Amino acid sequence: MWKTITAVAALVFVLVCDLALGQNVSVTDYEVAVSTAKDLRFDVNYAFDRQGDSTRVDQGFGGVAFKKFYSSLPFAWNVDVTGSSSKSRGDFTSILDFVGRFNRYVDEQKDVFGFGRLAVNYITEADILGRDEPRIDVTIGGGYGRFVNASPLAKAVRIEDFLIKEGILKDHLPKEIILELATLIRKEGEYSDRYGAVYEAKWYNDMEKIMGKSGLLRKEGLGALGAVRIGEVLYREKVQDRYYGYDITAGAGATLSTPDTTMERGKALMSLGFRWSRPVAWRSQLDQQFILNTPFDVDMFNIITITQTSRLVYELSNRIDFSVSHILFFKKLADVSNGEDETFVDNSVRLAFLFYLENYINLTVNLGFDKYEGQDMVTTFNTGLRFDIW
């Protein structure tokens, strides 16, 4: 117990220190008309152990994840796709998850929107639940809120820290200057399209002009060392995406197909949701998501499924990240005449370290705990390589 309290206190202390050493700008100061982000990565690991003529361990894992985020006025959309395949002694299991959502804002001056959401999940061994088919959920409705990808500002802040440590900047840049620098970082694509192979020189030169307006840049300018430090942040280091914002949604939908024979296909459902994201200081990102589904009939709120997802990412250094995530799944049944449990509660916890090596190659160390209703806890541990494409 005391170890847990000490660990939590240490994390709070680190976050408070980050806040105390904060820059002249807050993440919510970053407001842009168009906000985008994309991510594509691959994960692989394999283990083999043989003694004499007997194979003791023969298992591997391969996964891919793709994310795309776009927010503007009056449209916003996001797509998350993950797929994986695992092998254990000749048996293969594959999983595919797809979640896509589209928002159409009613008024460019307000955060009220209508939305549509499609979620698909397929597991090759799902037939153990009764049907060999994917689960497909469709939802339409309305909501309030908005998200902004503030990753360019996080990169600008890291560049500022590097340049201060090297004596290239005398102090933290004023708010308007650091925001202008972040906006310029976001325009990399425009510079690449306009100047081609030599765009970096022009891009860096304009960064130097912006910082020079503050009067805090040394007389010699960025110089070779400053250019190297900027390049490390923009190209060699992976700055985790930073989002801030929230949205609240309510809608109607249906499960078009499902492998679970306890669920009725095509039944109308009411869906309530809440999402919230916020960087904590400049080294952490906290994300929360809550989804509740219940049927639109006499079983409303007698049959309930709730999924609560929490995730924290903390940058231990410029090349080491730590993340912890928790997924709570709660299911309440209306008919327990067959002796089934009235409620089911499943919990999954994932702890991971990500070590950035070189050229978008990373080493991952993962520890997982899964506790399903009526079953013993499952503990998993693995290491592997991750390749960041974007």
Protein backbone atom coordinates (compact mmCIF):
# COMPACT_ATOMS: atom_id res chain seq x y z
CA MET A 1 0.00 0.00 0.00
CA TRP A 2 2.75 2.43 0.98
CA LYS A 3 4.66 1.57 -2.18
CA THR A 4 1.61 2.52 -4.25
CA ILE A 5 1.16 5.80 -2.36
CA THR A 6 4.85 6.60 -2.78
CA ALA A 7 4.71 5.91 -6.53
CA VAL A 8 1.63 8.11 -6.99
CA ALA A 9 3.19 10.88 -4.89
CA ALA A 10 6.37 10.72 -6.97
CA LEU A 11 4.38 11.04 -10.20
CA VAL A 12 2.40 14.00 -8.83
CA PHE A 13 5.67 15.64 -7.74
CA VAL A 14 7.13 15.25 -11.24
CA LEU A 15 4.03 16.71 -12.86
CA VAL A 16 4.00 19.65 -10.42
CA CYS A 17 7.66 20.30 -11.20
CA ASP A 18 6.80 20.36 -14.90
CA LEU A 19 4.06 22.87 -14.24
CA ALA A 20 6.34 25.04 -12.13
CA LEU A 21 8.91 25.15 -14.91
CA GLY A 22 6.28 25.85 -17.56
CA GLN A 23 6.67 28.23 -20.45
CA ASN A 24 4.85 31.50 -21.06
CA VAL A 25 2.14 29.69 -23.01
CA SER A 26 -0.62 27.20 -22.18
CA VAL A 27 -1.77 24.40 -24.47
CA THR A 28 -5.23 25.99 -24.73
CA ASP A 29 -3.66 29.15 -26.19
CA TYR A 30 -3.11 27.19 -29.40
CA GLU A 31 -6.16 27.72 -31.59
CA VAL A 32 -6.15 26.98 -35.31
CA ALA A 33 -8.85 26.78 -37.96
CA VAL A 34 -7.59 23.42 -39.23
CA SER A 35 -6.05 20.74 -36.99
CA THR A 36 -4.69 17.44 -38.33
CA ALA A 37 -2.70 14.39 -37.20
CA LYS A 38 -1.80 10.99 -38.63
CA ASP A 39 0.07 7.95 -37.35
CA LEU A 40 1.02 4.61 -38.90
CA ARG A 41 3.12 1.99 -37.11
CA PHE A 42 3.96 -1.72 -37.08
CA ASP A 43 4.80 -3.94 -34.09
CA VAL A 44 6.50 -7.35 -34.23
CA ASN A 45 7.88 -9.89 -31.76
CA TYR A 46 8.69 -13.61 -31.88
CA ALA A 47 9.91 -16.24 -29.41
CA PHE A 48 11.15 -19.78 -30.11
CA ASP A 49 12.49 -22.36 -27.67
CA ARG A 50 13.33 -25.97 -28.56
CA GLN A 51 14.77 -28.77 -26.45
CA GLY A 52 15.88 -31.87 -28.32
CA ASP A 53 13.05 -32.86 -30.62
CA SER A 54 10.46 -30.98 -28.57
CA THR A 55 9.39 -27.40 -29.26
CA ARG A 56 8.62 -25.69 -25.97
CA VAL A 57 7.88 -22.15 -27.20
CA ASP A 58 6.82 -21.10 -30.69
CA GLN A 59 4.85 -17.90 -30.66
CA GLY A 60 4.89 -14.53 -32.38
CA PHE A 61 2.88 -11.37 -32.82
CA GLY A 62 2.47 -8.81 -35.57
CA GLY A 63 0.34 -5.69 -35.42
CA VAL A 64 -0.45 -2.54 -37.37
CA ALA A 65 -2.12 0.67 -36.21
CA PHE A 66 -3.33 3.60 -38.29
CA LYS A 67 -4.85 6.83 -37.00
CA LYS A 68 -6.03 9.90 -38.86
CA PHE A 69 -7.53 13.01 -37.26
CA TYR A 70 -8.92 16.11 -38.98
CA SER A 71 -10.78 19.03 -37.44
CA SER A 72 -11.94 22.21 -39.11
CA LEU A 73 -15.03 24.34 -39.51
CA PRO A 74 -17.54 22.99 -40.21
CA PHE A 75 -16.26 19.38 -40.47
CA ALA A 76 -14.27 17.02 -38.24
CA TRP A 77 -13.53 13.32 -38.61
CA ASN A 78 -11.26 10.63 -37.25
CA VAL A 79 -10.39 7.06 -38.20
CA ASP A 80 -8.69 4.47 -35.96
CA VAL A 81 -7.71 1.09 -37.39
CA THR A 82 -5.78 -1.62 -35.56
CA GLY A 83 -5.06 -5.14 -36.71
CA SER A 84 -3.02 -7.94 -35.22
CA SER A 85 -2.19 -11.59 -35.77
CA SER A 86 -0.64 -13.90 -33.18
CA LYS A 87 0.78 -17.39 -33.52
CA SER A 88 1.17 -20.00 -30.80
CA ARG A 89 2.32 -23.52 -31.73
CA GLY A 90 0.73 -23.37 -35.16
CA ASP A 91 -2.55 -21.78 -34.06
CA PHE A 92 -3.24 -18.31 -35.46
CA THR A 93 -5.58 -15.67 -34.07
CA SER A 94 -6.31 -12.41 -35.86
CA ILE A 95 -8.11 -9.30 -34.63
CA LEU A 96 -9.32 -6.27 -36.57
CA ASP A 97 -10.74 -3.08 -35.04
CA PHE A 98 -12.10 -0.13 -37.01
CA VAL A 99 -13.70 3.02 -35.58
CA GLY A 100 -14.67 5.93 -37.78
CA ARG A 101 -16.57 9.06 -36.87
CA PHE A 102 -17.70 12.13 -38.79
CA ASN A 103 -18.91 15.40 -37.21
CA ARG A 104 -20.79 18.18 -39.01
CA TYR A 105 -20.93 21.40 -36.98
CA VAL A 106 -24.21 23.30 -37.12
CA ASP A 107 -22.65 26.75 -36.71
CA GLU A 108 -19.01 27.74 -37.25
CA GLN A 109 -19.21 29.94 -34.16
CA LYS A 110 -20.54 27.18 -31.91
CA ASP A 111 -19.49 23.65 -30.98
CA VAL A 112 -22.85 21.93 -31.61
CA PHE A 113 -22.66 19.10 -34.15
CA GLY A 114 -24.38 16.10 -35.66
CA PHE A 115 -22.36 12.92 -36.04
CA GLY A 116 -22.23 9.43 -37.47
CA ARG A 117 -20.10 6.60 -36.05
CA LEU A 118 -19.18 3.17 -37.41
CA ALA A 119 -17.38 0.55 -35.29
CA VAL A 120 -16.27 -2.87 -36.54
CA ASN A 121 -14.56 -5.60 -34.52
CA TYR A 122 -13.63 -9.03 -35.85
CA ILE A 123 -11.84 -11.90 -34.11
CA THR A 124 -11.11 -15.11 -35.99
CA GLU A 125 -12.05 -17.20 -32.95
CA ALA A 126 -15.23 -15.23 -32.19
CA ASP A 127 -17.34 -18.28 -33.09
CA ILE A 128 -16.80 -19.52 -29.52
CA LEU A 129 -19.44 -16.90 -28.60
CA GLY A 130 -21.92 -18.53 -30.97
CA ARG A 131 -21.50 -16.86 -34.38
CA ASP A 132 -18.56 -16.49 -36.74
CA GLU A 133 -19.17 -12.89 -37.78
CA PRO A 134 -17.85 -9.42 -36.94
CA ARG A 135 -19.52 -7.05 -34.55
CA ILE A 136 -20.74 -3.97 -36.43
CA ASP A 137 -22.23 -0.98 -34.60
CA VAL A 138 -23.72 2.08 -36.31
CA THR A 139 -24.68 5.26 -34.41
CA ILE A 140 -26.05 8.65 -35.45
CA GLY A 141 -26.83 11.57 -33.17
CA GLY A 142 -25.72 14.96 -31.93
CA GLY A 143 -23.27 16.44 -29.48
CA TYR A 144 -21.30 19.38 -28.22
CA GLY A 145 -17.56 19.98 -28.07
CA ARG A 146 -14.38 20.05 -30.13
CA PHE A 147 -10.81 18.73 -30.15
CA VAL A 148 -7.60 20.48 -31.22
CA ASN A 149 -4.30 18.78 -32.01
CA ALA A 150 -1.70 20.95 -30.28
CA SER A 151 1.31 18.80 -31.25
CA PRO A 152 2.98 21.67 -33.19
CA LEU A 153 2.97 23.73 -29.99
CA ALA A 154 4.51 20.81 -28.03
CA LYS A 155 7.30 20.64 -30.63
CA ALA A 156 7.83 24.40 -30.43
CA VAL A 157 8.14 24.17 -26.63
CA ARG A 158 10.67 21.32 -26.88
CA ILE A 159 12.72 23.31 -29.43
CA GLU A 160 12.63 26.29 -27.07
CA ASP A 161 13.90 24.13 -24.18
CA PHE A 162 16.78 22.80 -26.27
CA LEU A 163 17.81 26.25 -27.46
CA ILE A 164 17.72 27.67 -23.93
CA LYS A 165 19.94 24.84 -22.66
CA GLU A 166 22.42 25.50 -25.46
CA GLY A 167 22.49 29.25 -24.72
CA ILE A 168 21.01 30.08 -28.13
CA LEU A 169 17.93 31.61 -26.47
CA LYS A 170 18.34 33.75 -23.36
CA ASP A 171 14.91 32.92 -21.87
CA HIS A 172 11.47 31.54 -22.66
CA LEU A 173 9.85 33.16 -25.68
CA PRO A 174 6.81 35.42 -25.23
CA LYS A 175 3.43 33.79 -25.78
CA GLU A 176 2.76 35.39 -29.16
CA ILE A 177 6.20 34.36 -30.48
CA ILE A 178 5.97 30.70 -29.38
CA LEU A 179 2.46 30.49 -30.89
CA GLU A 180 3.72 31.96 -34.16
CA LEU A 181 6.56 29.42 -34.14
CA ALA A 182 4.07 26.58 -33.60
CA THR A 183 1.95 27.80 -36.51
CA LEU A 184 5.06 27.81 -38.74
CA ILE A 185 5.94 24.25 -37.67
CA ARG A 186 2.44 23.16 -38.71
CA LYS A 187 3.12 24.49 -42.24
CA GLU A 188 5.89 22.05 -43.10
CA GLY A 189 3.82 20.56 -45.92
CA GLU A 190 3.33 23.99 -47.51
CA TYR A 191 7.09 24.66 -47.45
CA SER A 192 7.83 21.24 -48.93
CA ASP A 193 5.36 21.77 -51.79
CA ARG A 194 6.65 25.27 -52.53
CA TYR A 195 10.44 24.90 -52.17
CA GLY A 196 10.99 21.19 -52.88
CA ALA A 197 14.26 19.57 -51.78
CA VAL A 198 15.62 22.79 -50.21
CA TYR A 199 12.54 23.60 -48.16
CA GLU A 200 14.24 22.93 -44.79
CA ALA A 201 16.70 25.81 -45.24
CA LYS A 202 13.88 28.27 -45.95
CA TRP A 203 11.76 26.80 -43.15
CA TYR A 204 14.54 27.08 -40.56
CA ASN A 205 15.37 30.60 -41.73
CA ASP A 206 11.79 31.72 -41.13
CA MET A 207 11.88 30.10 -37.66
CA GLU A 208 15.00 32.11 -36.92
CA LYS A 209 13.28 35.34 -38.01
CA ILE A 210 10.31 34.64 -35.71
CA MET A 211 12.53 33.95 -32.68
CA GLY A 212 14.68 36.96 -33.55
CA LYS A 213 11.68 39.28 -33.13
CA SER A 214 11.65 38.43 -29.41
CA GLY A 215 15.08 39.95 -28.80
CA LEU A 216 16.02 36.75 -26.92
CA LEU A 217 17.97 35.08 -29.75
CA ARG A 218 21.75 35.41 -29.59
CA LYS A 219 23.43 37.73 -32.10
CA GLU A 220 24.85 34.84 -34.13
CA GLY A 221 21.35 33.46 -34.72
CA LEU A 222 20.55 29.77 -34.67
CA GLY A 223 23.81 28.64 -36.21
CA ALA A 224 24.67 25.03 -37.00
CA LEU A 225 24.00 23.85 -33.44
CA GLY A 226 20.54 25.44 -33.38
CA ALA A 227 19.67 23.85 -36.73
CA VAL A 228 20.80 20.44 -35.43
CA ARG A 229 18.67 20.78 -32.30
CA ILE A 230 15.60 21.77 -34.31
CA GLY A 231 16.16 18.81 -36.63
CA GLU A 232 16.34 16.43 -33.68
CA VAL A 233 12.90 17.52 -32.47
CA LEU A 234 11.25 17.59 -35.88
CA TYR A 235 12.75 14.46 -37.41
CA ARG A 236 14.72 12.25 -35.04
CA GLU A 237 12.57 12.36 -31.91
CA LYS A 238 8.97 11.24 -31.65
CA VAL A 239 6.83 13.85 -29.93
CA GLN A 240 3.61 12.16 -28.79
CA ASP A 241 0.49 13.83 -30.16
CA ARG A 242 -1.03 16.41 -27.84
CA TYR A 243 -4.79 16.93 -27.91
CA TYR A 244 -7.05 19.08 -25.83
CA GLY A 245 -10.82 19.35 -25.78
CA TYR A 246 -13.92 17.33 -25.02
CA ASP A 247 -17.24 16.32 -26.51
CA ILE A 248 -20.53 14.98 -25.18
CA THR A 249 -22.76 12.93 -27.48
CA ALA A 250 -26.18 11.29 -27.50
CA GLY A 251 -27.49 9.18 -30.32
CA ALA A 252 -29.42 6.19 -31.59
CA GLY A 253 -27.89 3.18 -33.23
CA ALA A 254 -28.00 -0.55 -33.78
CA THR A 255 -25.75 -3.57 -33.66
CA LEU A 256 -26.02 -4.87 -37.22
CA SER A 257 -24.12 -8.07 -36.52
CA THR A 258 -22.42 -9.69 -33.53
CA PRO A 259 -20.83 -13.03 -32.64
CA ASP A 260 -22.47 -12.86 -29.20
CA THR A 261 -25.68 -14.93 -29.19
CA THR A 262 -26.88 -13.13 -26.03
CA MET A 263 -27.33 -9.96 -28.15
CA GLU A 264 -30.13 -9.41 -30.64
CA ARG A 265 -28.98 -8.19 -34.05
CA GLY A 266 -30.59 -5.05 -35.45
CA LYS A 267 -32.07 -3.97 -32.13
CA ALA A 268 -32.28 -0.19 -31.69
CA LEU A 269 -29.95 1.20 -29.02
CA MET A 270 -29.52 4.50 -27.24
CA SER A 271 -25.89 5.59 -26.97
CA LEU A 272 -24.39 8.17 -24.60
CA GLY A 273 -20.75 9.17 -24.84
CA PHE A 274 -18.12 11.46 -23.39
CA ARG A 275 -14.52 12.06 -24.50
CA TRP A 276 -11.93 14.29 -22.88
CA SER A 277 -8.25 14.93 -23.62
CA ARG A 278 -5.74 17.27 -22.06
CA PRO A 279 -1.95 17.48 -21.81
CA VAL A 280 -0.76 17.60 -18.19
CA ALA A 281 2.16 20.03 -18.15
CA TRP A 282 4.25 19.49 -21.29
CA ARG A 283 5.40 15.90 -20.80
CA SER A 284 2.07 14.12 -20.31
CA GLN A 285 -1.15 13.42 -22.17
CA LEU A 286 -4.32 12.20 -20.45
CA ASP A 287 -7.26 10.77 -22.45
CA GLN A 288 -10.66 9.57 -21.25
CA GLN A 289 -13.56 7.96 -23.12
CA PHE A 290 -16.93 6.73 -21.84
CA ILE A 291 -19.63 4.95 -23.89
CA LEU A 292 -22.96 3.63 -22.59
CA ASN A 293 -25.41 1.62 -24.70
CA THR A 294 -28.92 0.50 -23.72
CA PRO A 295 -31.86 -0.74 -25.85
CA PHE A 296 -34.74 1.50 -26.94
CA ASP A 297 -37.50 -0.71 -25.47
CA VAL A 298 -38.86 -2.01 -22.16
CA ASP A 299 -35.31 -3.14 -21.23
CA MET A 300 -33.94 0.41 -21.32
CA PHE A 301 -31.36 0.68 -18.50
CA ASN A 302 -32.12 -2.92 -17.53
CA ILE A 303 -29.67 -4.06 -20.20
CA ILE A 304 -26.55 -1.89 -20.20
CA THR A 305 -23.06 -2.07 -21.62
CA ILE A 306 -20.45 0.47 -20.52
CA THR A 307 -16.91 0.87 -21.80
CA GLN A 308 -14.61 3.27 -19.93
CA THR A 309 -11.12 3.82 -21.35
CA SER A 310 -8.38 5.80 -19.58
CA ARG A 311 -4.86 6.44 -20.90
CA LEU A 312 -1.86 8.38 -19.61
CA VAL A 313 1.35 8.92 -21.59
CA TYR A 314 4.38 10.43 -19.85
CA GLU A 315 7.68 11.35 -21.52
CA LEU A 316 10.39 10.21 -19.12
CA SER A 317 12.97 11.78 -21.46
CA ASN A 318 13.21 12.88 -25.07
CA ARG A 319 13.75 9.23 -26.08
CA ILE A 320 11.79 7.22 -23.50
CA ASP A 321 8.00 7.22 -23.05
CA PHE A 322 5.89 5.47 -20.43
CA SER A 323 2.19 4.79 -20.87
CA VAL A 324 -0.51 3.20 -18.74
CA SER A 325 -4.03 2.43 -19.89
CA HIS A 326 -7.10 0.92 -18.28
CA ILE A 327 -10.23 -0.45 -19.97
CA LEU A 328 -13.30 -1.20 -17.87
CA PHE A 329 -16.12 -3.17 -19.52
CA PHE A 330 -19.41 -3.49 -17.64
CA LYS A 331 -22.42 -5.47 -18.84
CA LYS A 332 -25.78 -5.77 -17.11
CA LEU A 333 -28.35 -8.36 -18.23
CA ALA A 334 -32.11 -8.09 -17.84
CA ASP A 335 -32.95 -11.81 -17.90
CA VAL A 336 -31.11 -13.92 -15.33
CA SER A 337 -33.62 -16.80 -15.33
CA ASN A 338 -30.97 -19.17 -16.73
CA GLY A 339 -28.79 -18.71 -13.71
CA GLU A 340 -26.45 -16.27 -15.42
CA ASP A 341 -24.74 -13.53 -13.47
CA GLU A 342 -26.69 -10.30 -13.51
CA THR A 343 -23.60 -8.25 -14.21
CA PHE A 344 -20.20 -8.82 -15.79
CA VAL A 345 -17.18 -6.65 -15.07
CA ASP A 346 -13.93 -7.02 -17.04
CA ASN A 347 -10.77 -5.01 -16.45
CA SER A 348 -7.65 -4.69 -18.59
CA VAL A 349 -4.52 -2.75 -17.61
CA ARG A 350 -1.54 -2.13 -19.89
CA LEU A 351 1.82 -0.66 -18.88
CA ALA A 352 4.39 0.05 -21.58
CA PHE A 353 7.80 1.59 -22.08
CA LEU A 354 8.80 2.87 -25.50
CA PHE A 355 12.49 3.39 -26.24
CA TYR A 356 13.24 5.39 -29.38
CA LEU A 357 16.27 3.87 -31.10
CA GLU A 358 17.02 5.29 -34.54
CA ASN A 359 15.38 5.92 -37.92
CA TYR A 360 11.82 5.39 -36.62
CA ILE A 361 12.74 2.07 -34.98
CA ASN A 362 11.64 1.64 -31.36
CA LEU A 363 11.95 -0.99 -28.65
CA THR A 364 8.75 -1.74 -26.73
CA VAL A 365 8.37 -3.37 -23.31
CA ASN A 366 4.78 -4.27 -22.38
CA LEU A 367 3.13 -5.64 -19.25
CA GLY A 368 -0.57 -6.49 -19.19
CA PHE A 369 -3.15 -7.59 -16.61
CA ASP A 370 -6.58 -8.89 -17.65
CA LYS A 371 -9.27 -9.84 -15.13
CA TYR A 372 -12.46 -11.25 -16.64
CA GLU A 373 -15.59 -12.00 -14.65
CA GLY A 374 -15.35 -15.42 -13.01
CA GLN A 375 -11.80 -16.12 -14.25
CA ASP A 376 -8.32 -15.89 -12.79
CA MET A 377 -6.19 -12.90 -13.69
CA VAL A 378 -4.12 -13.23 -16.87
CA THR A 379 -0.66 -11.61 -16.83
CA THR A 380 1.27 -11.03 -20.04
CA PHE A 381 4.75 -9.68 -20.71
CA ASN A 382 6.50 -9.13 -24.03
CA THR A 383 9.13 -7.06 -25.76
CA GLY A 384 9.36 -6.27 -29.43
CA LEU A 385 10.18 -3.74 -32.13
CA ARG A 386 7.93 -0.98 -33.37
CA PHE A 387 8.36 0.82 -36.67
CA ASP A 388 6.88 4.31 -36.97
CA ILE A 389 6.10 5.07 -40.62
CA TRP A 390 4.48 8.47 -40.00
